[in-house]
């Protein structure tokens, strides 16, 4: 089951088409129960337990999509953004944590 947090739907819609296609492929693999690893996906334990980021790139830039998988049966897509700095901005970390708390019991 794929669950996209409501505000994240708009963020994904704003991504370039090639990035959305790559994202759809990665999410389909997660939904099939496959584990993704570097360079496509990286764990983000500083944000929350089980949170990872998809690392997507095209000519227009570098993009990150944060997600969490729970019990291999549910994938929650929490936040999508264009990467503009080397490190993940603190504002982004706070936002992903907030959305994580909203989807997990």
C-alpha atoms as a PDB file:
ATOM      1  CA  UNK A   1       0.000   0.000   0.000  1.00  0.00           C
ATOM      2  CA  UNK A   2       1.308   3.438  -0.964  1.00  0.00           C
ATOM      3  CA  UNK A   3       0.174   6.417   1.094  1.00  0.00           C
ATOM      4  CA  UNK A   4       1.190   9.912  -0.014  1.00  0.00           C
ATOM      5  CA  UNK A   5       0.740  12.567   2.650  1.00  0.00           C
ATOM      6  CA  UNK A   6      -1.724  15.164   1.299  1.00  0.00           C
ATOM      7  CA  UNK A   7       0.677  18.165   1.184  1.00  0.00           C
ATOM      8  CA  UNK A   8       3.271  15.957  -0.510  1.00  0.00           C
ATOM      9  CA  UNK A   9       0.925  15.377  -3.463  1.00  0.00           C
ATOM     10  CA  UNK A  10       1.392  19.011  -4.518  1.00  0.00           C
ATOM     11  CA  UNK A  11       5.149  18.775  -3.985  1.00  0.00           C
ATOM     12  CA  UNK A  12       5.334  15.714  -6.231  1.00  0.00           C
ATOM     13  CA  UNK A  13       3.133  17.344  -8.882  1.00  0.00           C
ATOM     14  CA  UNK A  14       5.617  20.233  -9.049  1.00  0.00           C
ATOM     15  CA  UNK A  15       8.549  17.915  -9.829  1.00  0.00           C
ATOM     16  CA  UNK A  16       9.773  17.544 -13.428  1.00  0.00           C
ATOM     17  CA  UNK A  17       8.207  14.704 -15.422  1.00  0.00           C
ATOM     18  CA  UNK A  18      11.421  12.639 -15.582  1.00  0.00           C
ATOM     19  CA  UNK A  19      11.766  12.826 -11.800  1.00  0.00           C
ATOM     20  CA  UNK A  20       8.121  11.825 -11.301  1.00  0.00           C
ATOM     21  CA  UNK A  21       8.663   8.829 -13.598  1.00  0.00           C
ATOM     22  CA  UNK A  22      11.765   7.746 -11.663  1.00  0.00           C
ATOM     23  CA  UNK A  23       9.855   8.263  -8.410  1.00  0.00           C
ATOM     24  CA  UNK A  24       6.953   6.113  -9.633  1.00  0.00           C
ATOM     25  CA  UNK A  25       9.395   3.329 -10.512  1.00  0.00           C
ATOM     26  CA  UNK A  26      11.118   3.493  -7.109  1.00  0.00           C
ATOM     27  CA  UNK A  27       7.814   3.541  -5.223  1.00  0.00           C
ATOM     28  CA  UNK A  28       6.562   0.560  -7.236  1.00  0.00           C
ATOM     29  CA  UNK A  29       9.669  -1.375  -6.200  1.00  0.00           C
ATOM     30  CA  UNK A  30       9.100  -0.429  -2.552  1.00  0.00           C
ATOM     31  CA  UNK A  31       5.447  -1.472  -2.843  1.00  0.00           C
ATOM     32  CA  UNK A  32       6.586  -4.835  -4.216  1.00  0.00           C
ATOM     33  CA  UNK A  33       8.571  -5.358  -1.011  1.00  0.00           C
ATOM     34  CA  UNK A  34      12.015  -4.687  -2.450  1.00  0.00           C
ATOM     35  CA  UNK A  35      14.615  -2.903  -0.370  1.00  0.00           C
ATOM     36  CA  UNK A  36      16.319   0.016  -2.085  1.00  0.00           C
ATOM     37  CA  UNK A  37      19.904   0.990  -1.328  1.00  0.00           C
ATOM     38  CA  UNK A  38      22.540   3.516  -2.318  1.00  0.00           C
ATOM     39  CA  UNK A  39      22.783   5.359  -4.582  1.00  0.00           C
ATOM     40  CA  UNK A  40      18.976   5.456  -5.059  1.00  0.00           C
ATOM     41  CA  UNK A  41      17.933   5.388  -1.412  1.00  0.00           C
ATOM     42  CA  UNK A  42      19.657   6.339   1.819  1.00  0.00           C
ATOM     43  CA  UNK A  43      18.513   5.818   5.414  1.00  0.00           C
ATOM     44  CA  UNK A  44      17.913   9.026   7.387  1.00  0.00           C
ATOM     45  CA  UNK A  45      17.944   7.869  11.040  1.00  0.00           C
ATOM     46  CA  UNK A  46      18.481  11.451  12.266  1.00  0.00           C
ATOM     47  CA  UNK A  47      14.979  12.275  11.032  1.00  0.00           C
ATOM     48  CA  UNK A  48      13.204   9.222  12.392  1.00  0.00           C
ATOM     49  CA  UNK A  49      13.276   5.476  12.728  1.00  0.00           C
ATOM     50  CA  UNK A  50      12.815   3.864   9.321  1.00  0.00           C
ATOM     51  CA  UNK A  51      12.877   7.141   7.378  1.00  0.00           C
ATOM     52  CA  UNK A  52      14.827   7.109   4.115  1.00  0.00           C
ATOM     53  CA  UNK A  53      15.308   9.480   1.229  1.00  0.00           C
ATOM     54  CA  UNK A  54      15.079   8.702  -2.457  1.00  0.00           C
ATOM     55  CA  UNK A  55      17.894  10.416  -4.330  1.00  0.00           C
ATOM     56  CA  UNK A  56      16.761  11.462  -7.784  1.00  0.00           C
ATOM     57  CA  UNK A  57      18.559  13.546 -10.404  1.00  0.00           C
ATOM     58  CA  UNK A  58      18.015  14.958 -13.877  1.00  0.00           C
ATOM     59  CA  UNK A  59      19.302  17.880 -15.935  1.00  0.00           C
ATOM     60  CA  UNK A  60      17.296  20.399 -13.932  1.00  0.00           C
ATOM     61  CA  UNK A  61      18.780  19.396 -10.588  1.00  0.00           C
ATOM     62  CA  UNK A  62      18.857  17.019  -7.662  1.00  0.00           C
ATOM     63  CA  UNK A  63      15.678  16.016  -5.832  1.00  0.00           C
ATOM     64  CA  UNK A  64      14.892  14.238  -2.581  1.00  0.00           C
ATOM     65  CA  UNK A  65      11.749  12.366  -1.594  1.00  0.00           C
ATOM     66  CA  UNK A  66      11.449  11.264   2.034  1.00  0.00           C
ATOM     67  CA  UNK A  67       9.518   8.112   2.895  1.00  0.00           C
ATOM     68  CA  UNK A  68       9.047   5.495   5.578  1.00  0.00           C
ATOM     69  CA  UNK A  69       8.179   1.810   5.173  1.00  0.00           C
ATOM     70  CA  UNK A  70       6.190   0.161   7.944  1.00  0.00           C
ATOM     71  CA  UNK A  71       6.156  -3.630   8.275  1.00  0.00           C
ATOM     72  CA  UNK A  72       6.838  -4.012   4.539  1.00  0.00           C
ATOM     73  CA  UNK A  73       3.152  -3.460   3.881  1.00  0.00           C
ATOM     74  CA  UNK A  74       2.834   0.319   3.821  1.00  0.00           C
ATOM     75  CA  UNK A  75       4.999   2.992   2.226  1.00  0.00           C
ATOM     76  CA  UNK A  76       4.318   6.537   3.408  1.00  0.00           C
ATOM     77  CA  UNK A  77       5.678   9.289   1.148  1.00  0.00           C
ATOM     78  CA  UNK A  78       6.260  12.259   3.439  1.00  0.00           C
ATOM     79  CA  UNK A  79       7.978  15.084   1.556  1.00  0.00           C
ATOM     80  CA  UNK A  80       9.455  15.927  -1.869  1.00  0.00           C
ATOM     81  CA  UNK A  81      11.863  18.757  -2.619  1.00  0.00           C
ATOM     82  CA  UNK A  82      14.557  20.074  -4.923  1.00  0.00           C
ATOM     83  CA  UNK A  83      17.928  19.912  -3.238  1.00  0.00           C
ATOM     84  CA  UNK A  84      19.608  23.310  -3.040  1.00  0.00           C
ATOM     85  CA  UNK A  85      22.152  22.814  -0.239  1.00  0.00           C
ATOM     86  CA  UNK A  86      24.765  20.194   0.659  1.00  0.00           C
ATOM     87  CA  UNK A  87      23.112  19.223   3.936  1.00  0.00           C
ATOM     88  CA  UNK A  88      19.412  18.642   4.509  1.00  0.00           C
ATOM     89  CA  UNK A  89      18.003  21.935   5.842  1.00  0.00           C
ATOM     90  CA  UNK A  90      16.797  21.902   9.447  1.00  0.00           C
ATOM     91  CA  UNK A  91      13.363  23.180   8.311  1.00  0.00           C
ATOM     92  CA  UNK A  92      13.019  20.115   6.070  1.00  0.00           C
ATOM     93  CA  UNK A  93      13.974  17.761   8.888  1.00  0.00           C
ATOM     94  CA  UNK A  94      11.352  19.333  11.165  1.00  0.00           C
ATOM     95  CA  UNK A  95       8.688  19.106   8.444  1.00  0.00           C
ATOM     96  CA  UNK A  96       9.398  15.428   7.722  1.00  0.00           C
ATOM     97  CA  UNK A  97       9.333  14.612  11.447  1.00  0.00           C
ATOM     98  CA  UNK A  98       5.994  16.379  11.801  1.00  0.00           C
ATOM     99  CA  UNK A  99       4.484  14.488   8.868  1.00  0.00           C
ATOM    100  CA  UNK A 100       5.925  11.225  10.211  1.00  0.00           C
ATOM    101  CA  UNK A 101       4.118  11.766  13.513  1.00  0.00           C
ATOM    102  CA  UNK A 102       0.878  12.394  11.610  1.00  0.00           C
ATOM    103  CA  UNK A 103       0.947   9.060   9.750  1.00  0.00           C
ATOM    104  CA  UNK A 104       2.247   6.746  12.457  1.00  0.00           C
ATOM    105  CA  UNK A 105       0.113   5.628  15.371  1.00  0.00           C
END
